[in-house]
Amino acid sequence: MASLIKRHGNFHIQWYESGTKRRRSLRTDSEQIAKEKLRQFESAQFRGDPTPLPTRTPIGSVVEAYIEHMKAHRHERSWRRDLSYLREAFGECCPELELQSSRARRCRALRRPDDKRCKLWPIRAACFEEITTSAVAEFIADRVRARGLAPKTANRYREVVAKVINWAMQTERVRMPGDRNPAARVARYRESAPEIRHLTMEQIGEQFKALEDRPQLRAMVAMLIYAGLRREELVWLRLDDLAPPSEQSPNGLIRVQAKTVGGEHWQPKTKRNRVVPISRELRRHLDGWEPRASDHGWLFPSPRGTRWNLDNFSAALRSVNQAQGLAWSCLDYRHTFGSQLAQRGVSLFQIATLMGNSPEICRRHYAALVPEALSELVEFGVAPSDELVERKPQLLS
C-alpha cells in the first residue's frame, strides 16, 4: 500500500519496495490531483505495470546515453551527422556536445547569461519530461525564420528530436506525459519535389575530356557514372573487390561488400552487400588505369598510398572541374547512372537493386524519366489497339 504525505507545500507518494521506503514528489499542491495519482499508482502496482509516477530526468543524461547508443548501433559518419542537430536542439548539455575549438572556448568564456544578441536558443525545457510539442515547433520555426532553412532541413530537426524521445521512452528512461512523443505531433514542413541533376551523354564526354591528364580521377569518375557507386563505396574498393570476366559477366563484376581493413570495419550504407556488373564502357576505362602499389591493396589509393579521405577526394576532383568550368559533384554522377537506366526503360526495382537503394527512393528520383507507353490512353475518340484492349482489365483492377 502507498500513502500520501505533504512536504514543503507539495504532495509526495510514499511506499515500500522490498523492505525499502520509497518516496516520490507528485509536483502538485492539490489534494484532489494527488489522490488521483495515488489511485493510478496503486492500480499499476496491482496489474504489474510500470508505475505512472512523474519523473524529472536531466536532459543531458538522456542525450549522453542516446549518443552512446548511436555509437554502438550506427556507422560513425551517420551518428556524427546527428551531433550538430542534437547540439542545436538541446545545447551543450553533455561533454559529447561541447565544442572544443579554441574559438568556441573564447566565445563561451565571454558569453554573459543575459546576452541574447543573435542567439537561437535550444528547446525550452527544464527537464526532459517538460519537452512539449509547442516547444519543439517553436525551436524549429525560429531557425526557419532566422536562417531560411529548407523544408527538408527543418523536417530533419524534427526527425532527430523525435528519435531521441522515442528511444528514451522505449528504454523506459523517461515517462513522457500521456506516454506520447511530443515531437511526433509537430507538423512537417511541406517539401518540394527533389531536383535531380544528371549528365547527358554529351556532358559525360565533356567530363572525361577534362580529366584526360588525370587517369586515376578519370577512372574513379567512370566508376561513379557507369556503376552508380556512392563516394564512400568507391574509396573503400580493393583490388579483390573486382571479379574477373566470366561467361555470365563478360566484363566482370564490382562487389560492394562489408570488410575490415587494418582493424577498421566498413559496410555499405544500407548494410547490404550487392554486386554491380561492369559495362563495356567502364571496362575500357578500367583497362586504361593501372593501380599503384598501396597499403591493403586499395583499388584507387590516395597520393600517399592510403585510402582516400572523402573530403580530400572531392576537393581534388572539384579543383580540376572548376579549372574547366564544370560544377558537377559525385552525387550528380551517381544520379547519372540511375537516370540513364530509367530513360532506357529499366524497371525501378532493378535500378534500386543495382544502386543499393529502396524502390521508393528510386521512384521519387527517377519515375519521371521512365518512358511510359501511355500515349494511347489520352487519345479520345480513337479505337484502342489490341494490346491496350488485352491490358484493360489490369488497368482497371
Protein backbone atom coordinates (compact mmCIF):
# COMPACT_ATOMS: atom_id res chain seq x y z
CA MET A 1 0.00 0.00 0.00
CA ALA A 2 1.06 3.55 -0.68
CA SER A 3 0.19 6.75 1.16
CA LEU A 4 0.29 10.49 0.65
CA ILE A 5 2.36 12.90 2.68
CA LYS A 6 2.83 16.64 2.27
CA ARG A 7 6.27 18.25 2.38
CA HIS A 8 7.11 21.89 1.63
CA GLY A 9 3.68 22.56 0.17
CA ASN A 10 3.70 19.65 -2.34
CA PHE A 11 2.26 16.16 -2.00
CA HIS A 12 4.52 13.11 -2.11
CA ILE A 13 3.68 9.45 -2.55
CA GLN A 14 5.35 7.03 -0.18
CA TRP A 15 5.52 3.24 -0.43
CA TYR A 16 7.73 0.29 0.50
CA GLU A 17 9.62 -1.71 -2.13
CA SER A 18 11.46 -4.88 -0.99
CA GLY A 19 11.51 -3.53 2.54
CA THR A 20 12.94 -0.17 1.45
CA LYS A 21 10.93 3.01 1.87
CA ARG A 22 10.48 4.95 -1.36
CA ARG A 23 9.20 8.49 -1.80
CA ARG A 24 8.45 10.47 -4.93
CA SER A 25 7.19 14.01 -5.34
CA LEU A 26 3.93 14.41 -7.26
CA ARG A 27 4.76 18.07 -8.02
CA THR A 28 1.30 19.30 -7.07
CA ASP A 29 -0.27 21.03 -4.07
CA SER A 30 -3.79 19.90 -4.98
CA GLU A 31 -5.06 17.12 -2.76
CA GLN A 32 -7.60 16.01 -5.38
CA ILE A 33 -4.92 15.61 -8.06
CA ALA A 34 -2.63 13.86 -5.59
CA LYS A 35 -5.35 11.32 -4.70
CA GLU A 36 -5.97 10.59 -8.38
CA LYS A 37 -2.26 9.97 -8.96
CA LEU A 38 -2.19 7.75 -5.88
CA ARG A 39 -5.07 5.72 -7.34
CA GLN A 40 -3.26 5.34 -10.67
CA PHE A 41 -0.09 4.29 -8.88
CA GLU A 42 -1.85 1.59 -6.83
CA SER A 43 -3.69 0.30 -9.92
CA ALA A 44 -0.43 0.00 -11.85
CA GLN A 45 1.18 -1.86 -8.95
CA PHE A 46 -1.76 -4.28 -8.81
CA ARG A 47 -1.54 -5.00 -12.57
CA GLY A 48 2.25 -5.26 -12.51
CA ASP A 49 2.64 -2.36 -14.94
CA PRO A 50 5.33 0.33 -14.66
CA THR A 51 4.21 2.90 -12.14
CA PRO A 52 2.92 6.16 -13.71
CA LEU A 53 4.86 8.38 -11.35
CA PRO A 54 6.25 11.58 -12.83
CA THR A 55 9.97 11.69 -13.42
CA ARG A 56 12.29 14.65 -13.77
CA THR A 57 15.23 13.48 -15.81
CA PRO A 58 18.05 15.87 -16.72
CA ILE A 59 18.23 16.44 -20.47
CA GLY A 60 22.00 15.96 -20.51
CA SER A 61 21.87 12.44 -19.06
CA VAL A 62 19.34 11.26 -21.65
CA VAL A 63 21.17 12.82 -24.61
CA GLU A 64 24.52 11.45 -23.43
CA ALA A 65 23.09 7.93 -23.17
CA TYR A 66 21.48 8.27 -26.59
CA ILE A 67 24.80 9.27 -28.17
CA GLU A 68 26.42 6.16 -26.69
CA HIS A 69 23.57 4.13 -28.16
CA MET A 70 24.17 5.68 -31.61
CA LYS A 71 27.89 4.92 -31.44
CA ALA A 72 27.13 1.25 -30.75
CA HIS A 73 24.47 0.78 -33.45
CA ARG A 74 25.26 3.20 -36.27
CA HIS A 75 28.11 3.99 -38.63
CA GLU A 76 30.44 6.76 -37.46
CA ARG A 77 29.63 9.13 -40.31
CA SER A 78 25.93 8.59 -39.62
CA TRP A 79 25.94 9.38 -35.91
CA ARG A 80 28.39 12.24 -36.28
CA ARG A 81 25.96 14.00 -38.64
CA ASP A 82 23.34 13.94 -35.90
CA LEU A 83 25.60 15.58 -33.30
CA SER A 84 25.14 19.06 -34.74
CA TYR A 85 21.34 18.64 -34.73
CA LEU A 86 21.43 17.45 -31.13
CA ARG A 87 23.66 20.37 -30.14
CA GLU A 88 21.23 22.83 -31.72
CA ALA A 89 18.20 21.17 -30.15
CA PHE A 90 19.47 20.64 -26.60
CA GLY A 91 22.53 22.88 -26.32
CA GLU A 92 25.89 21.76 -24.95
CA CYS A 93 24.16 19.66 -22.30
CA CYS A 94 26.78 16.88 -22.13
CA PRO A 95 30.51 16.54 -22.83
CA GLU A 96 29.90 14.88 -26.23
CA LEU A 97 28.11 18.01 -27.48
CA GLU A 98 30.62 20.57 -26.22
CA LEU A 99 32.61 22.37 -28.91
CA GLN A 100 36.29 22.02 -28.10
CA SER A 101 37.77 24.51 -30.57
CA SER A 102 39.71 27.50 -29.24
CA ARG A 103 37.20 29.90 -30.79
CA ALA A 104 34.30 28.10 -29.08
CA ARG A 105 36.09 28.26 -25.71
CA ARG A 106 36.74 32.00 -26.09
CA CYS A 107 33.11 32.68 -27.01
CA ARG A 108 31.90 30.56 -24.10
CA ALA A 109 34.14 32.48 -21.67
CA LEU A 110 32.91 35.89 -22.92
CA ARG A 111 29.22 34.95 -23.01
CA ARG A 112 27.00 36.55 -20.41
CA PRO A 113 23.86 34.81 -19.11
CA ASP A 114 21.68 37.74 -20.22
CA ASP A 115 23.29 38.12 -23.66
CA LYS A 116 20.61 37.33 -26.26
CA ARG A 117 22.12 39.02 -29.31
CA CYS A 118 21.77 36.83 -32.39
CA LYS A 119 21.10 33.89 -30.09
CA LEU A 120 18.98 30.96 -31.19
CA TRP A 121 18.06 29.13 -28.02
CA PRO A 122 17.65 25.35 -27.82
CA ILE A 123 14.36 23.69 -26.91
CA ARG A 124 12.99 25.42 -23.83
CA ALA A 125 12.55 22.78 -21.13
CA ALA A 126 13.93 22.44 -17.58
CA CYS A 127 13.97 18.62 -17.79
CA PHE A 128 13.33 16.00 -20.43
CA GLU A 129 9.71 15.39 -19.38
CA GLU A 130 8.88 19.08 -19.86
CA ILE A 131 9.59 18.98 -23.62
CA THR A 132 6.31 19.89 -25.30
CA THR A 133 5.02 19.94 -28.84
CA SER A 134 4.86 23.74 -28.85
CA ALA A 135 8.47 24.00 -27.60
CA VAL A 136 9.76 21.76 -30.43
CA ALA A 137 7.66 23.57 -33.03
CA GLU A 138 8.88 26.97 -31.81
CA PHE A 139 12.51 25.77 -31.81
CA ILE A 140 12.26 24.71 -35.47
CA ALA A 141 10.28 27.79 -36.55
CA ASP A 142 12.91 30.12 -35.03
CA ARG A 143 15.59 28.53 -37.19
CA VAL A 144 13.46 28.60 -40.30
CA ARG A 145 12.83 32.34 -39.85
CA ALA A 146 16.40 33.25 -38.86
CA ARG A 147 18.31 31.05 -41.29
CA GLY A 148 15.83 30.41 -44.05
CA LEU A 149 16.11 26.65 -43.64
CA ALA A 150 14.79 24.47 -46.42
CA PRO A 151 11.74 22.34 -45.51
CA LYS A 152 13.86 19.19 -45.74
CA THR A 153 16.33 20.53 -43.16
CA ALA A 154 13.52 21.66 -40.85
CA ASN A 155 11.99 18.19 -41.02
CA ARG A 156 15.40 16.72 -40.24
CA TYR A 157 15.48 18.65 -36.93
CA ARG A 158 12.04 17.24 -36.13
CA GLU A 159 13.15 13.71 -37.00
CA VAL A 160 16.28 13.82 -34.82
CA VAL A 161 14.40 15.14 -31.77
CA ALA A 162 11.64 12.56 -32.25
CA LYS A 163 14.22 9.75 -32.40
CA VAL A 164 15.78 10.80 -29.09
CA ILE A 165 12.42 10.92 -27.33
CA ASN A 166 11.29 7.61 -28.84
CA TRP A 167 14.47 5.91 -27.67
CA ALA A 168 14.17 7.40 -24.18
CA MET A 169 10.56 6.21 -23.88
CA GLN A 170 11.23 2.72 -25.29
CA THR A 171 14.14 2.15 -22.92
CA GLU A 172 11.94 3.44 -20.06
CA ARG A 173 14.49 6.09 -19.13
CA VAL A 174 11.73 8.69 -19.02
CA ARG A 175 7.96 8.69 -18.86
CA MET A 176 6.55 11.44 -21.02
CA PRO A 177 3.14 12.92 -20.14
CA GLY A 178 0.43 10.77 -21.64
CA ASP A 179 3.08 8.33 -22.97
CA ARG A 180 3.20 10.39 -26.18
CA ASN A 181 6.11 11.71 -28.15
CA PRO A 182 5.63 15.50 -28.36
CA ALA A 183 7.91 15.84 -31.40
CA ALA A 184 5.82 13.36 -33.39
CA ARG A 185 2.87 15.77 -33.23
CA VAL A 186 4.82 18.66 -34.77
CA ALA A 187 3.53 19.35 -38.27
CA ARG A 188 6.00 18.51 -41.02
CA TYR A 189 7.09 21.22 -43.43
CA ARG A 190 5.96 20.55 -46.97
CA GLU A 191 8.92 19.58 -49.12
CA SER A 192 9.14 20.34 -52.81
CA ALA A 193 9.83 17.70 -55.43
CA PRO A 194 13.50 16.67 -55.46
CA GLU A 195 15.66 18.37 -58.07
CA ILE A 196 17.82 15.65 -59.61
CA ARG A 197 20.86 16.75 -61.60
CA HIS A 198 22.38 14.29 -64.05
CA LEU A 199 24.73 14.41 -67.01
CA THR A 200 23.71 13.87 -70.63
CA MET A 201 25.85 11.76 -72.93
CA GLU A 202 27.47 14.93 -74.32
CA GLN A 203 28.25 16.16 -70.82
CA ILE A 204 29.74 12.79 -69.89
CA GLY A 205 32.15 13.16 -72.78
CA GLU A 206 32.96 16.71 -71.69
CA GLN A 207 33.69 15.47 -68.17
CA PHE A 208 36.11 12.77 -69.32
CA LYS A 209 37.85 15.20 -71.63
CA ALA A 210 38.51 17.49 -68.64
CA LEU A 211 40.19 14.56 -66.85
CA GLU A 212 42.44 13.41 -69.71
CA ASP A 213 45.59 14.31 -67.77
CA ARG A 214 44.35 12.72 -64.53
CA PRO A 215 43.97 8.97 -65.26
CA GLN A 216 43.12 7.96 -61.70
CA LEU A 217 40.41 10.60 -61.27
CA ARG A 218 39.12 9.68 -64.72
CA ALA A 219 38.79 6.01 -63.73
CA MET A 220 37.14 6.94 -60.42
CA VAL A 221 34.59 9.19 -62.12
CA ALA A 222 33.89 6.40 -64.60
CA MET A 223 33.08 4.09 -61.67
CA LEU A 224 30.64 6.66 -60.30
CA ILE A 225 28.93 7.26 -63.66
CA TYR A 226 28.80 3.74 -65.08
CA ALA A 227 28.31 1.79 -61.82
CA GLY A 228 26.35 4.28 -59.70
CA LEU A 229 28.56 3.85 -56.64
CA ARG A 230 28.43 6.16 -53.67
CA ARG A 231 31.55 8.17 -52.96
CA GLU A 232 32.32 6.17 -49.81
CA GLU A 233 31.80 2.88 -51.61
CA LEU A 234 34.29 3.99 -54.25
CA VAL A 235 37.17 4.85 -51.93
CA TRP A 236 36.71 1.59 -49.98
CA LEU A 237 37.14 -0.62 -53.05
CA ARG A 238 40.07 -3.02 -53.02
CA LEU A 239 41.62 -4.91 -55.91
CA ASP A 240 39.96 -8.16 -54.83
CA ASP A 241 36.52 -6.47 -54.98
CA LEU A 242 36.69 -6.68 -58.79
CA ALA A 243 35.62 -10.10 -60.07
CA PRO A 244 37.29 -11.15 -63.34
CA PRO A 245 35.25 -11.62 -66.53
CA SER A 246 33.31 -14.84 -66.84
CA GLU A 247 30.73 -16.41 -69.11
CA GLN A 248 27.86 -14.87 -67.11
CA SER A 249 29.58 -11.46 -66.74
CA PRO A 250 31.83 -10.88 -69.76
CA ASN A 251 33.23 -7.61 -68.36
CA GLY A 252 33.49 -8.61 -64.72
CA LEU A 253 31.70 -7.53 -61.55
CA ILE A 254 32.09 -4.97 -58.77
CA ARG A 255 31.45 -6.39 -55.31
CA VAL A 256 30.26 -3.71 -52.89
CA GLN A 257 30.60 -5.59 -49.63
CA ALA A 258 31.39 -5.14 -45.96
CA LYS A 259 35.02 -5.52 -44.96
CA THR A 260 37.52 -4.99 -42.18
CA VAL A 261 40.80 -3.41 -43.27
CA GLY A 262 43.59 -2.51 -40.89
CA GLY A 263 41.30 -3.03 -37.91
CA GLU A 264 38.69 -0.62 -39.31
CA HIS A 265 35.29 -2.04 -40.22
CA TRP A 266 33.17 -0.69 -43.06
CA GLN A 267 29.84 -1.69 -44.55
CA PRO A 268 27.55 -0.23 -47.23
CA LYS A 269 25.10 2.48 -46.24
CA THR A 270 22.11 0.14 -46.40
CA LYS A 271 24.04 -2.63 -44.57
CA ARG A 272 23.51 -4.93 -47.55
CA ASN A 273 26.15 -6.26 -49.92
CA ARG A 274 25.47 -6.03 -53.64
CA VAL A 275 27.04 -6.78 -56.99
CA VAL A 276 27.17 -4.35 -59.94
CA PRO A 277 28.03 -5.62 -63.44
CA ILE A 278 30.82 -3.78 -65.27
CA SER A 279 29.70 -2.32 -68.57
CA ARG A 280 31.83 -2.31 -71.73
CA GLU A 281 32.46 1.43 -71.41
CA LEU A 282 33.51 1.12 -67.77
CA ARG A 283 35.78 -1.82 -68.62
CA ARG A 284 37.50 0.36 -71.23
CA HIS A 285 38.24 3.00 -68.57
CA LEU A 286 39.42 0.42 -66.04
CA ASP A 287 41.74 -1.25 -68.56
CA GLY A 288 43.40 2.11 -69.11
CA TRP A 289 44.14 2.50 -65.40
CA GLU A 290 46.98 0.65 -63.68
CA PRO A 291 46.60 0.75 -59.85
CA ARG A 292 49.70 1.72 -57.93
CA ALA A 293 51.02 -0.31 -55.03
CA SER A 294 49.35 0.74 -51.79
CA ASP A 295 48.64 -0.32 -48.25
CA HIS A 296 45.98 -3.05 -48.05
CA GLY A 297 45.63 -3.21 -51.85
CA TRP A 298 43.30 -0.26 -52.45
CA LEU A 299 41.94 -0.06 -55.99
CA PHE A 300 42.21 3.75 -56.01
CA PRO A 301 44.85 4.74 -53.44
CA SER A 302 45.47 8.32 -52.38
CA PRO A 303 48.72 10.07 -53.39
CA ARG A 304 50.18 8.78 -50.10
CA GLY A 305 49.29 5.19 -50.89
CA THR A 306 46.49 5.01 -48.31
CA ARG A 307 42.72 5.03 -48.58
CA TRP A 308 41.36 8.32 -49.94
CA ASN A 309 39.79 10.67 -47.44
CA LEU A 310 36.32 11.51 -48.75
CA ASP A 311 36.70 15.27 -48.47
CA ASN A 312 40.19 15.24 -49.96
CA PHE A 313 38.97 13.25 -52.96
CA SER A 314 36.08 15.66 -53.52
CA ALA A 315 38.43 18.65 -53.20
CA ALA A 316 40.87 17.19 -55.76
CA LEU A 317 38.07 16.49 -58.22
CA ARG A 318 36.48 19.89 -57.66
CA SER A 319 39.70 21.77 -58.31
CA VAL A 320 40.13 20.03 -61.69
CA ASN A 321 36.50 20.62 -62.69
CA GLN A 322 36.49 24.26 -61.65
CA ALA A 323 39.53 24.90 -63.83
CA GLN A 324 37.46 23.61 -66.78
CA GLY A 325 34.30 25.48 -65.77
CA LEU A 326 32.45 22.33 -64.62
CA ALA A 327 30.37 22.17 -61.44
CA TRP A 328 29.31 18.51 -61.18
CA SER A 329 29.62 16.52 -57.98
CA CYS A 330 29.87 12.83 -57.05
CA LEU A 331 26.12 12.76 -56.36
CA ASP A 332 25.44 14.06 -59.88
CA TYR A 333 27.49 11.17 -61.29
CA ARG A 334 25.50 8.64 -59.25
CA HIS A 335 22.22 10.21 -60.40
CA THR A 336 23.51 9.97 -63.96
CA PHE A 337 23.70 6.19 -63.64
CA GLY A 338 20.12 5.94 -62.34
CA SER A 339 18.75 8.47 -64.82
CA GLN A 340 20.31 6.81 -67.85
CA LEU A 341 18.91 3.43 -66.77
CA ALA A 342 15.45 4.93 -66.25
CA GLN A 343 15.48 6.56 -69.67
CA ARG A 344 16.30 3.18 -71.23
CA GLY A 345 13.18 1.67 -69.65
CA VAL A 346 14.88 -0.33 -66.86
CA SER A 347 12.40 -1.03 -64.07
CA LEU A 348 12.68 0.97 -60.86
CA PHE A 349 13.11 -2.25 -58.88
CA GLN A 350 16.13 -3.22 -60.97
CA ILE A 351 17.58 0.28 -60.63
CA ALA A 352 17.14 0.08 -56.86
CA THR A 353 18.90 -3.30 -56.79
CA LEU A 354 21.89 -2.02 -58.78
CA MET A 355 22.23 1.21 -56.80
CA GLY A 356 21.62 -0.24 -53.33
CA ASN A 357 18.56 1.94 -52.75
CA SER A 358 14.97 1.25 -51.81
CA PRO A 359 12.42 1.19 -54.67
CA GLU A 360 10.60 4.12 -53.03
CA ILE A 361 13.69 6.34 -53.22
CA CYS A 362 14.23 5.39 -56.87
CA ARG A 363 10.57 6.15 -57.58
CA ARG A 364 10.94 9.67 -56.15
CA HIS A 365 14.15 10.31 -58.08
CA TYR A 366 13.70 8.62 -61.42
CA ALA A 367 10.00 7.81 -62.01
CA ALA A 368 9.52 10.95 -64.12
CA LEU A 369 12.24 9.74 -66.51
CA VAL A 370 10.78 6.28 -67.16
CA PRO A 371 9.31 6.21 -70.70
CA GLU A 372 5.75 5.01 -70.24
CA ALA A 373 3.72 3.85 -73.27
CA LEU A 374 0.68 5.87 -72.26
CA SER A 375 0.13 7.93 -75.39
CA GLU A 376 -2.88 5.85 -76.47
CA LEU A 377 -4.59 6.38 -73.14
CA VAL A 378 -5.05 10.12 -73.75
CA GLU A 379 -6.42 9.84 -77.31
CA PHE A 380 -10.20 10.46 -77.23
CA GLY A 381 -12.41 9.04 -79.97
CA VAL A 382 -9.74 6.64 -81.26
CA ALA A 383 -10.19 2.87 -81.17
CA PRO A 384 -7.68 1.34 -78.76
CA SER A 385 -5.09 -1.07 -80.07
CA ASP A 386 -5.37 -4.80 -79.49
CA GLU A 387 -2.61 -4.69 -76.90
CA LEU A 388 -4.43 -1.98 -74.95
CA VAL A 389 -7.69 -4.00 -75.06
CA GLU A 390 -5.91 -7.01 -73.62
CA ARG A 391 -4.44 -4.87 -70.85
CA LYS A 392 -7.73 -3.12 -69.99
CA PRO A 393 -8.82 -5.41 -67.11
CA GLN A 394 -5.41 -4.96 -65.50
CA LEU A 395 -5.55 -1.18 -65.79
CA LEU A 396 -9.00 -1.04 -64.17
CA SER A 397 -8.26 -3.52 -61.38
